[in-house]
């Protein structure tokens, strides 16, 4: 993170990578990108405006929905009913 240039570099594997999980957390149905969204949200609060995000080595397969949900995006169906609950 560089406050002067308002930039941050995030390596996804270091935030939500498989090496970060215990054996009982290695469940593809429960692992998500929420933690990445929380980190990005925190950095935005610190004044960071530009991000370089290295993908790969993640322990998730939610297509970034957890991250986007944490950043305020809501996923709804045709009848505007929330269909993703990342909580």
PDB file of N, CA and C in Angstrom:
ATOM      1  N   UNK A   1       0.851  -1.167   0.000  1.00  0.00           N
ATOM      2  CA  UNK A   1       0.000   0.000   0.000  1.00  0.00           C
ATOM      3  C   UNK A   1       0.901   1.234   0.000  1.00  0.00           C
ATOM      4  N   UNK A   2       0.553   2.168  -0.832  1.00  0.00           N
ATOM      5  CA  UNK A   2       1.289   3.423  -0.903  1.00  0.00           C
ATOM      6  C   UNK A   2       0.291   4.573  -0.751  1.00  0.00           C
ATOM      7  N   UNK A   3       0.307   5.196   0.419  1.00  0.00           N
ATOM      8  CA  UNK A   3      -0.637   6.283   0.701  1.00  0.00           C
ATOM      9  C   UNK A   3      -0.429   7.469  -0.233  1.00  0.00           C
ATOM     10  N   UNK A   4       0.832   7.785  -0.556  1.00  0.00           N
ATOM     11  CA  UNK A   4       1.126   8.949  -1.404  1.00  0.00           C
ATOM     12  C   UNK A   4       0.537   8.806  -2.798  1.00  0.00           C
ATOM     13  N   UNK A   5       0.693   7.624  -3.397  1.00  0.00           N
ATOM     14  CA  UNK A   5       0.165   7.407  -4.748  1.00  0.00           C
ATOM     15  C   UNK A   5      -1.252   6.842  -4.732  1.00  0.00           C
ATOM     16  N   UNK A   6      -1.761   6.536  -3.530  1.00  0.00           N
ATOM     17  CA  UNK A   6      -3.101   5.980  -3.349  1.00  0.00           C
ATOM     18  C   UNK A   6      -3.273   4.662  -4.089  1.00  0.00           C
ATOM     19  N   UNK A   7      -2.230   3.812  -4.042  1.00  0.00           N
ATOM     20  CA  UNK A   7      -2.236   2.520  -4.733  1.00  0.00           C
ATOM     21  C   UNK A   7      -2.021   1.381  -3.738  1.00  0.00           C
ATOM     22  N   UNK A   8      -2.577   0.232  -4.075  1.00  0.00           N
ATOM     23  CA  UNK A   8      -2.355  -0.970  -3.278  1.00  0.00           C
ATOM     24  C   UNK A   8      -2.219  -2.168  -4.215  1.00  0.00           C
ATOM     25  N   UNK A   9      -1.369  -3.091  -3.823  1.00  0.00           N
ATOM     26  CA  UNK A   9      -1.205  -4.356  -4.538  1.00  0.00           C
ATOM     27  C   UNK A   9      -1.706  -5.454  -3.610  1.00  0.00           C
ATOM     28  N   UNK A  10      -2.605  -6.283  -4.120  1.00  0.00           N
ATOM     29  CA  UNK A  10      -3.163  -7.380  -3.330  1.00  0.00           C
ATOM     30  C   UNK A  10      -2.878  -8.690  -4.062  1.00  0.00           C
ATOM     31  N   UNK A  11      -2.277  -9.631  -3.368  1.00  0.00           N
ATOM     32  CA  UNK A  11      -2.081 -10.980  -3.900  1.00  0.00           C
ATOM     33  C   UNK A  11      -3.168 -11.855  -3.276  1.00  0.00           C
ATOM     34  N   UNK A  12      -4.122 -12.264  -4.079  1.00  0.00           N
ATOM     35  CA  UNK A  12      -5.283 -13.010  -3.602  1.00  0.00           C
ATOM     36  C   UNK A  12      -4.879 -14.253  -2.820  1.00  0.00           C
ATOM     37  N   UNK A  13      -3.871 -14.960  -3.266  1.00  0.00           N
ATOM     38  CA  UNK A  13      -3.438 -16.177  -2.576  1.00  0.00           C
ATOM     39  C   UNK A  13      -3.024 -15.899  -1.133  1.00  0.00           C
ATOM     40  N   UNK A  14      -2.543 -14.698  -0.867  1.00  0.00           N
ATOM     41  CA  UNK A  14      -2.123 -14.349   0.486  1.00  0.00           C
ATOM     42  C   UNK A  14      -3.293 -13.932   1.366  1.00  0.00           C
ATOM     43  N   UNK A  15      -4.411 -13.575   0.742  1.00  0.00           N
ATOM     44  CA  UNK A  15      -5.577 -13.111   1.494  1.00  0.00           C
ATOM     45  C   UNK A  15      -6.584 -14.232   1.688  1.00  0.00           C
ATOM     46  N   UNK A  16      -6.931 -14.925   0.603  1.00  0.00           N
ATOM     47  CA  UNK A  16      -7.952 -15.977   0.669  1.00  0.00           C
ATOM     48  C   UNK A  16      -7.466 -17.255  -0.003  1.00  0.00           C
ATOM     49  N   UNK A  17      -6.180 -17.469   0.053  1.00  0.00           N
ATOM     50  CA  UNK A  17      -5.597 -18.637  -0.593  1.00  0.00           C
ATOM     51  C   UNK A  17      -5.743 -19.907   0.220  1.00  0.00           C
ATOM     52  N   UNK A  18      -5.562 -21.003  -0.438  1.00  0.00           N
ATOM     53  CA  UNK A  18      -5.729 -22.310   0.207  1.00  0.00           C
ATOM     54  C   UNK A  18      -4.738 -22.503   1.353  1.00  0.00           C
ATOM     55  N   UNK A  19      -3.577 -21.874   1.282  1.00  0.00           N
ATOM     56  CA  UNK A  19      -2.597 -21.996   2.369  1.00  0.00           C
ATOM     57  C   UNK A  19      -3.065 -21.293   3.637  1.00  0.00           C
ATOM     58  N   UNK A  20      -4.043 -20.408   3.518  1.00  0.00           N
ATOM     59  CA  UNK A  20      -4.546 -19.668   4.673  1.00  0.00           C
ATOM     60  C   UNK A  20      -5.595 -20.460   5.456  1.00  0.00           C
ATOM     61  N   UNK A  21      -6.041 -21.579   4.914  1.00  0.00           N
ATOM     62  CA  UNK A  21      -7.148 -22.322   5.516  1.00  0.00           C
ATOM     63  C   UNK A  21      -6.675 -23.509   6.340  1.00  0.00           C
ATOM     64  N   UNK A  22      -7.428 -23.811   7.393  1.00  0.00           N
ATOM     65  CA  UNK A  22      -7.216 -25.049   8.131  1.00  0.00           C
ATOM     66  C   UNK A  22      -7.910 -26.164   7.356  1.00  0.00           C
ATOM     67  N   UNK A  23      -7.646 -27.391   7.729  1.00  0.00           N
ATOM     68  CA  UNK A  23      -8.250 -28.529   7.015  1.00  0.00           C
ATOM     69  C   UNK A  23      -9.775 -28.477   7.032  1.00  0.00           C
ATOM     70  N   UNK A  24     -10.370 -28.114   8.169  1.00  0.00           N
ATOM     71  CA  UNK A  24     -11.830 -28.088   8.239  1.00  0.00           C
ATOM     72  C   UNK A  24     -12.446 -26.881   7.530  1.00  0.00           C
ATOM     73  N   UNK A  25     -11.636 -25.909   7.134  1.00  0.00           N
ATOM     74  CA  UNK A  25     -12.139 -24.768   6.356  1.00  0.00           C
ATOM     75  C   UNK A  25     -12.079 -25.029   4.856  1.00  0.00           C
ATOM     76  N   UNK A  26     -11.434 -26.076   4.448  1.00  0.00           N
ATOM     77  CA  UNK A  26     -11.278 -26.371   3.014  1.00  0.00           C
ATOM     78  C   UNK A  26     -12.537 -27.018   2.464  1.00  0.00           C
ATOM     79  N   UNK A  27     -13.572 -26.215   2.379  1.00  0.00           N
ATOM     80  CA  UNK A  27     -14.874 -26.656   1.879  1.00  0.00           C
ATOM     81  C   UNK A  27     -15.289 -25.710   0.760  1.00  0.00           C
ATOM     82  N   UNK A  28     -15.297 -26.171  -0.488  1.00  0.00           N
ATOM     83  CA  UNK A  28     -15.621 -25.279  -1.604  1.00  0.00           C
ATOM     84  C   UNK A  28     -17.029 -24.697  -1.540  1.00  0.00           C
ATOM     85  N   UNK A  29     -17.896 -25.289  -0.731  1.00  0.00           N
ATOM     86  CA  UNK A  29     -19.249 -24.757  -0.592  1.00  0.00           C
ATOM     87  C   UNK A  29     -19.319 -23.624   0.422  1.00  0.00           C
ATOM     88  N   UNK A  30     -18.282 -23.465   1.241  1.00  0.00           N
ATOM     89  CA  UNK A  30     -18.281 -22.424   2.263  1.00  0.00           C
ATOM     90  C   UNK A  30     -17.227 -21.348   2.023  1.00  0.00           C
ATOM     91  N   UNK A  31     -16.130 -21.680   1.362  1.00  0.00           N
ATOM     92  CA  UNK A  31     -15.063 -20.698   1.116  1.00  0.00           C
ATOM     93  C   UNK A  31     -15.577 -19.639   0.144  1.00  0.00           C
ATOM     94  N   UNK A  32     -15.239 -18.376   0.435  1.00  0.00           N
ATOM     95  CA  UNK A  32     -15.716 -17.301  -0.438  1.00  0.00           C
ATOM     96  C   UNK A  32     -14.681 -16.184  -0.512  1.00  0.00           C
ATOM     97  N   UNK A  33     -14.986 -15.212  -1.327  1.00  0.00           N
ATOM     98  CA  UNK A  33     -14.111 -14.053  -1.521  1.00  0.00           C
ATOM     99  C   UNK A  33     -14.497 -12.881  -0.621  1.00  0.00           C
ATOM    100  N   UNK A  34     -15.325 -13.113   0.381  1.00  0.00           N
ATOM    101  CA  UNK A  34     -15.750 -12.050   1.292  1.00  0.00           C
ATOM    102  C   UNK A  34     -14.542 -11.364   1.934  1.00  0.00           C
ATOM    103  N   UNK A  35     -13.553 -12.136   2.357  1.00  0.00           N
ATOM    104  CA  UNK A  35     -12.370 -11.557   2.992  1.00  0.00           C
ATOM    105  C   UNK A  35     -11.647 -10.576   2.092  1.00  0.00           C
ATOM    106  N   UNK A  36     -11.584 -10.876   0.819  1.00  0.00           N
ATOM    107  CA  UNK A  36     -10.970  -9.957  -0.143  1.00  0.00           C
ATOM    108  C   UNK A  36     -11.777  -8.665  -0.228  1.00  0.00           C
ATOM    109  N   UNK A  37     -13.093  -8.788  -0.246  1.00  0.00           N
ATOM    110  CA  UNK A  37     -13.948  -7.601  -0.266  1.00  0.00           C
ATOM    111  C   UNK A  37     -13.762  -6.745   0.976  1.00  0.00           C
ATOM    112  N   UNK A  38     -13.602  -7.388   2.126  1.00  0.00           N
ATOM    113  CA  UNK A  38     -13.371  -6.644   3.372  1.00  0.00           C
ATOM    114  C   UNK A  38     -12.050  -5.891   3.317  1.00  0.00           C
ATOM    115  N   UNK A  39     -11.016  -6.531   2.767  1.00  0.00           N
ATOM    116  CA  UNK A  39      -9.716  -5.866   2.646  1.00  0.00           C
ATOM    117  C   UNK A  39      -9.812  -4.668   1.703  1.00  0.00           C
ATOM    118  N   UNK A  40     -10.446  -4.842   0.566  1.00  0.00           N
ATOM    119  CA  UNK A  40     -10.601  -3.743  -0.391  1.00  0.00           C
ATOM    120  C   UNK A  40     -11.394  -2.605   0.242  1.00  0.00           C
ATOM    121  N   UNK A  41     -12.465  -2.931   0.945  1.00  0.00           N
ATOM    122  CA  UNK A  41     -13.275  -1.918   1.612  1.00  0.00           C
ATOM    123  C   UNK A  41     -12.434  -1.136   2.631  1.00  0.00           C
ATOM    124  N   UNK A  42     -11.633  -1.852   3.397  1.00  0.00           N
ATOM    125  CA  UNK A  42     -10.755  -1.198   4.373  1.00  0.00           C
ATOM    126  C   UNK A  42      -9.770  -0.252   3.684  1.00  0.00           C
ATOM    127  N   UNK A  43      -9.179  -0.718   2.594  1.00  0.00           N
ATOM    128  CA  UNK A  43      -8.220   0.116   1.868  1.00  0.00           C
ATOM    129  C   UNK A  43      -8.889   1.340   1.253  1.00  0.00           C
ATOM    130  N   UNK A  44     -10.105   1.181   0.759  1.00  0.00           N
ATOM    131  CA  UNK A  44     -10.857   2.335   0.247  1.00  0.00           C
ATOM    132  C   UNK A  44     -11.076   3.354   1.364  1.00  0.00           C
ATOM    133  N   UNK A  45     -11.389   2.867   2.553  1.00  0.00           N
ATOM    134  CA  UNK A  45     -11.574   3.761   3.699  1.00  0.00           C
ATOM    135  C   UNK A  45     -10.276   4.492   4.057  1.00  0.00           C
ATOM    136  N   UNK A  46      -9.144   3.884   3.727  1.00  0.00           N
ATOM    137  CA  UNK A  46      -7.840   4.495   4.001  1.00  0.00           C
ATOM    138  C   UNK A  46      -7.416   5.470   2.906  1.00  0.00           C
ATOM    139  N   UNK A  47      -8.249   5.613   1.872  1.00  0.00           N
ATOM    140  CA  UNK A  47      -7.959   6.564   0.801  1.00  0.00           C
ATOM    141  C   UNK A  47      -7.321   5.962  -0.428  1.00  0.00           C
ATOM    142  N   UNK A  48      -7.191   4.637  -0.469  1.00  0.00           N
ATOM    143  CA  UNK A  48      -6.619   3.982  -1.652  1.00  0.00           C
ATOM    144  C   UNK A  48      -7.627   4.064  -2.791  1.00  0.00           C
ATOM    145  N   UNK A  49      -7.142   4.425  -3.975  1.00  0.00           N
ATOM    146  CA  UNK A  49      -8.013   4.573  -5.141  1.00  0.00           C
ATOM    147  C   UNK A  49      -7.704   3.587  -6.259  1.00  0.00           C
ATOM    148  N   UNK A  50      -6.458   3.135  -6.359  1.00  0.00           N
ATOM    149  CA  UNK A  50      -6.054   2.242  -7.438  1.00  0.00           C
ATOM    150  C   UNK A  50      -5.561   0.920  -6.856  1.00  0.00           C
ATOM    151  N   UNK A  51      -5.987  -0.173  -7.480  1.00  0.00           N
ATOM    152  CA  UNK A  51      -5.638  -1.505  -7.004  1.00  0.00           C
ATOM    153  C   UNK A  51      -5.024  -2.330  -8.131  1.00  0.00           C
ATOM    154  N   UNK A  52      -4.018  -3.082  -7.788  1.00  0.00           N
ATOM    155  CA  UNK A  52      -3.499  -4.137  -8.654  1.00  0.00           C
ATOM    156  C   UNK A  52      -3.778  -5.414  -7.883  1.00  0.00           C
ATOM    157  N   UNK A  53      -4.589  -6.287  -8.452  1.00  0.00           N
ATOM    158  CA  UNK A  53      -4.990  -7.501  -7.757  1.00  0.00           C
ATOM    159  C   UNK A  53      -4.488  -8.706  -8.545  1.00  0.00           C
ATOM    160  N   UNK A  54      -3.594  -9.457  -7.903  1.00  0.00           N
ATOM    161  CA  UNK A  54      -3.051 -10.674  -8.513  1.00  0.00           C
ATOM    162  C   UNK A  54      -3.967 -11.844  -8.210  1.00  0.00           C
ATOM    163  N   UNK A  55      -4.523 -12.427  -9.256  1.00  0.00           N
ATOM    164  CA  UNK A  55      -5.431 -13.561  -9.085  1.00  0.00           C
ATOM    165  C   UNK A  55      -4.674 -14.871  -9.209  1.00  0.00           C
ATOM    166  N   UNK A  56      -5.211 -15.872  -8.578  1.00  0.00           N
ATOM    167  CA  UNK A  56      -4.598 -17.197  -8.635  1.00  0.00           C
ATOM    168  C   UNK A  56      -4.293 -17.682  -7.236  1.00  0.00           C
ATOM    169  N   UNK A  57      -4.407 -18.973  -7.032  1.00  0.00           N
ATOM    170  CA  UNK A  57      -4.113 -19.555  -5.735  1.00  0.00           C
ATOM    171  C   UNK A  57      -5.208 -19.345  -4.708  1.00  0.00           C
ATOM    172  N   UNK A  58      -6.362 -18.894  -5.162  1.00  0.00           N
ATOM    173  CA  UNK A  58      -7.483 -18.682  -4.254  1.00  0.00           C
ATOM    174  C   UNK A  58      -8.084 -20.027  -3.859  1.00  0.00           C
ATOM    175  N   UNK A  59      -8.684 -20.063  -2.687  1.00  0.00           N
ATOM    176  CA  UNK A  59      -9.361 -21.274  -2.220  1.00  0.00           C
ATOM    177  C   UNK A  59     -10.859 -21.180  -2.470  1.00  0.00           C
ATOM    178  N   UNK A  60     -11.255 -20.292  -3.363  1.00  0.00           N
ATOM    179  CA  UNK A  60     -12.680 -20.041  -3.571  1.00  0.00           C
ATOM    180  C   UNK A  60     -13.096 -20.346  -5.007  1.00  0.00           C
ATOM    181  N   UNK A  61     -14.390 -20.476  -5.188  1.00  0.00           N
ATOM    182  CA  UNK A  61     -14.931 -20.627  -6.537  1.00  0.00           C
ATOM    183  C   UNK A  61     -16.279 -19.919  -6.654  1.00  0.00           C
ATOM    184  N   UNK A  62     -16.402 -18.780  -5.947  1.00  0.00           N
ATOM    185  CA  UNK A  62     -17.669 -18.048  -5.979  1.00  0.00           C
ATOM    186  C   UNK A  62     -17.704 -16.951  -7.041  1.00  0.00           C
ATOM    187  N   UNK A  63     -16.733 -16.928  -7.925  1.00  0.00           N
ATOM    188  CA  UNK A  63     -16.677 -15.969  -9.030  1.00  0.00           C
ATOM    189  C   UNK A  63     -16.622 -14.511  -8.550  1.00  0.00           C
ATOM    190  N   UNK A  64     -16.139 -14.287  -7.337  1.00  0.00           N
ATOM    191  CA  UNK A  64     -16.025 -12.934  -6.822  1.00  0.00           C
ATOM    192  C   UNK A  64     -17.298 -12.378  -6.212  1.00  0.00           C
ATOM    193  N   UNK A  65     -18.336 -13.188  -6.134  1.00  0.00           N
ATOM    194  CA  UNK A  65     -19.611 -12.705  -5.598  1.00  0.00           C
ATOM    195  C   UNK A  65     -19.462 -12.258  -4.148  1.00  0.00           C
ATOM    196  N   UNK A  66     -18.692 -12.984  -3.348  1.00  0.00           N
ATOM    197  CA  UNK A  66     -18.475 -12.588  -1.957  1.00  0.00           C
ATOM    198  C   UNK A  66     -17.805 -11.236  -1.860  1.00  0.00           C
ATOM    199  N   UNK A  67     -16.777 -11.017  -2.683  1.00  0.00           N
ATOM    200  CA  UNK A  67     -16.062  -9.747  -2.703  1.00  0.00           C
ATOM    201  C   UNK A  67     -17.014  -8.612  -3.092  1.00  0.00           C
ATOM    202  N   UNK A  68     -17.749  -8.810  -4.157  1.00  0.00           N
ATOM    203  CA  UNK A  68     -18.662  -7.773  -4.638  1.00  0.00           C
ATOM    204  C   UNK A  68     -19.780  -7.502  -3.646  1.00  0.00           C
ATOM    205  N   UNK A  69     -20.270  -8.548  -2.982  1.00  0.00           N
ATOM    206  CA  UNK A  69     -21.308  -8.366  -1.953  1.00  0.00           C
ATOM    207  C   UNK A  69     -20.778  -7.510  -0.820  1.00  0.00           C
ATOM    208  N   UNK A  70     -19.539  -7.751  -0.424  1.00  0.00           N
ATOM    209  CA  UNK A  70     -18.930  -6.967   0.656  1.00  0.00           C
ATOM    210  C   UNK A  70     -18.749  -5.510   0.254  1.00  0.00           C
ATOM    211  N   UNK A  71     -18.621  -5.252  -1.039  1.00  0.00           N
ATOM    212  CA  UNK A  71     -18.448  -3.894  -1.548  1.00  0.00           C
ATOM    213  C   UNK A  71     -19.780  -3.211  -1.882  1.00  0.00           C
ATOM    214  N   UNK A  72     -20.889  -3.876  -1.541  1.00  0.00           N
ATOM    215  CA  UNK A  72     -22.192  -3.240  -1.681  1.00  0.00           C
ATOM    216  C   UNK A  72     -23.032  -3.689  -2.856  1.00  0.00           C
ATOM    217  N   UNK A  73     -22.512  -4.554  -3.707  1.00  0.00           N
ATOM    218  CA  UNK A  73     -23.303  -5.052  -4.839  1.00  0.00           C
ATOM    219  C   UNK A  73     -24.285  -6.096  -4.317  1.00  0.00           C
ATOM    220  N   UNK A  74     -25.526  -6.023  -4.747  1.00  0.00           N
ATOM    221  CA  UNK A  74     -26.540  -6.998  -4.355  1.00  0.00           C
ATOM    222  C   UNK A  74     -26.943  -7.797  -5.578  1.00  0.00           C
ATOM    223  N   UNK A  75     -27.060  -9.084  -5.381  1.00  0.00           N
ATOM    224  CA  UNK A  75     -27.414  -9.986  -6.472  1.00  0.00           C
ATOM    225  C   UNK A  75     -28.852 -10.431  -6.274  1.00  0.00           C
ATOM    226  N   UNK A  76     -29.689 -10.131  -7.271  1.00  0.00           N
ATOM    227  CA  UNK A  76     -31.104 -10.432  -7.165  1.00  0.00           C
ATOM    228  C   UNK A  76     -31.580 -11.163  -8.413  1.00  0.00           C
ATOM    229  N   UNK A  77     -32.672 -11.871  -8.260  1.00  0.00           N
ATOM    230  CA  UNK A  77     -33.275 -12.578  -9.373  1.00  0.00           C
ATOM    231  C   UNK A  77     -34.262 -11.693 -10.117  1.00  0.00           C
ATOM    232  N   UNK A  78     -35.008 -12.285 -11.020  1.00  0.00           N
ATOM    233  CA  UNK A  78     -35.956 -11.537 -11.842  1.00  0.00           C
ATOM    234  C   UNK A  78     -37.014 -10.809 -11.015  1.00  0.00           C
ATOM    235  N   UNK A  79     -37.399 -11.383  -9.895  1.00  0.00           N
ATOM    236  CA  UNK A  79     -38.428 -10.774  -9.060  1.00  0.00           C
ATOM    237  C   UNK A  79     -37.816  -9.922  -7.958  1.00  0.00           C
ATOM    238  N   UNK A  80     -36.571  -9.511  -8.165  1.00  0.00           N
ATOM    239  CA  UNK A  80     -35.843  -8.643  -7.244  1.00  0.00           C
ATOM    240  C   UNK A  80     -35.669  -9.252  -5.854  1.00  0.00           C
ATOM    241  N   UNK A  81     -35.717 -10.576  -5.779  1.00  0.00           N
ATOM    242  CA  UNK A  81     -35.483 -11.245  -4.508  1.00  0.00           C
ATOM    243  C   UNK A  81     -34.003 -11.578  -4.408  1.00  0.00           C
ATOM    244  N   UNK A  82     -33.429 -11.307  -3.255  1.00  0.00           N
ATOM    245  CA  UNK A  82     -32.021 -11.596  -3.025  1.00  0.00           C
ATOM    246  C   UNK A  82     -31.820 -13.110  -3.146  1.00  0.00           C
ATOM    247  N   UNK A  83     -30.883 -13.509  -3.990  1.00  0.00           N
ATOM    248  CA  UNK A  83     -30.659 -14.948  -4.130  1.00  0.00           C
ATOM    249  C   UNK A  83     -29.260 -15.379  -3.724  1.00  0.00           C
ATOM    250  N   UNK A  84     -28.447 -14.474  -3.276  1.00  0.00           N
ATOM    251  CA  UNK A  84     -27.120 -14.820  -2.785  1.00  0.00           C
ATOM    252  C   UNK A  84     -26.976 -14.268  -1.385  1.00  0.00           C
ATOM    253  N   UNK A  85     -26.700 -15.140  -0.445  1.00  0.00           N
ATOM    254  CA  UNK A  85     -26.468 -14.719   0.933  1.00  0.00           C
ATOM    255  C   UNK A  85     -25.059 -15.127   1.308  1.00  0.00           C
ATOM    256  N   UNK A  86     -24.148 -14.150   1.335  1.00  0.00           N
ATOM    257  CA  UNK A  86     -22.749 -14.443   1.625  1.00  0.00           C
ATOM    258  C   UNK A  86     -22.439 -14.269   3.111  1.00  0.00           C
ATOM    259  N   UNK A  87     -23.441 -14.009   3.934  1.00  0.00           N
ATOM    260  CA  UNK A  87     -23.216 -13.778   5.359  1.00  0.00           C
ATOM    261  C   UNK A  87     -22.977 -15.069   6.094  1.00  0.00           C
TER     262      UNK A  87
END
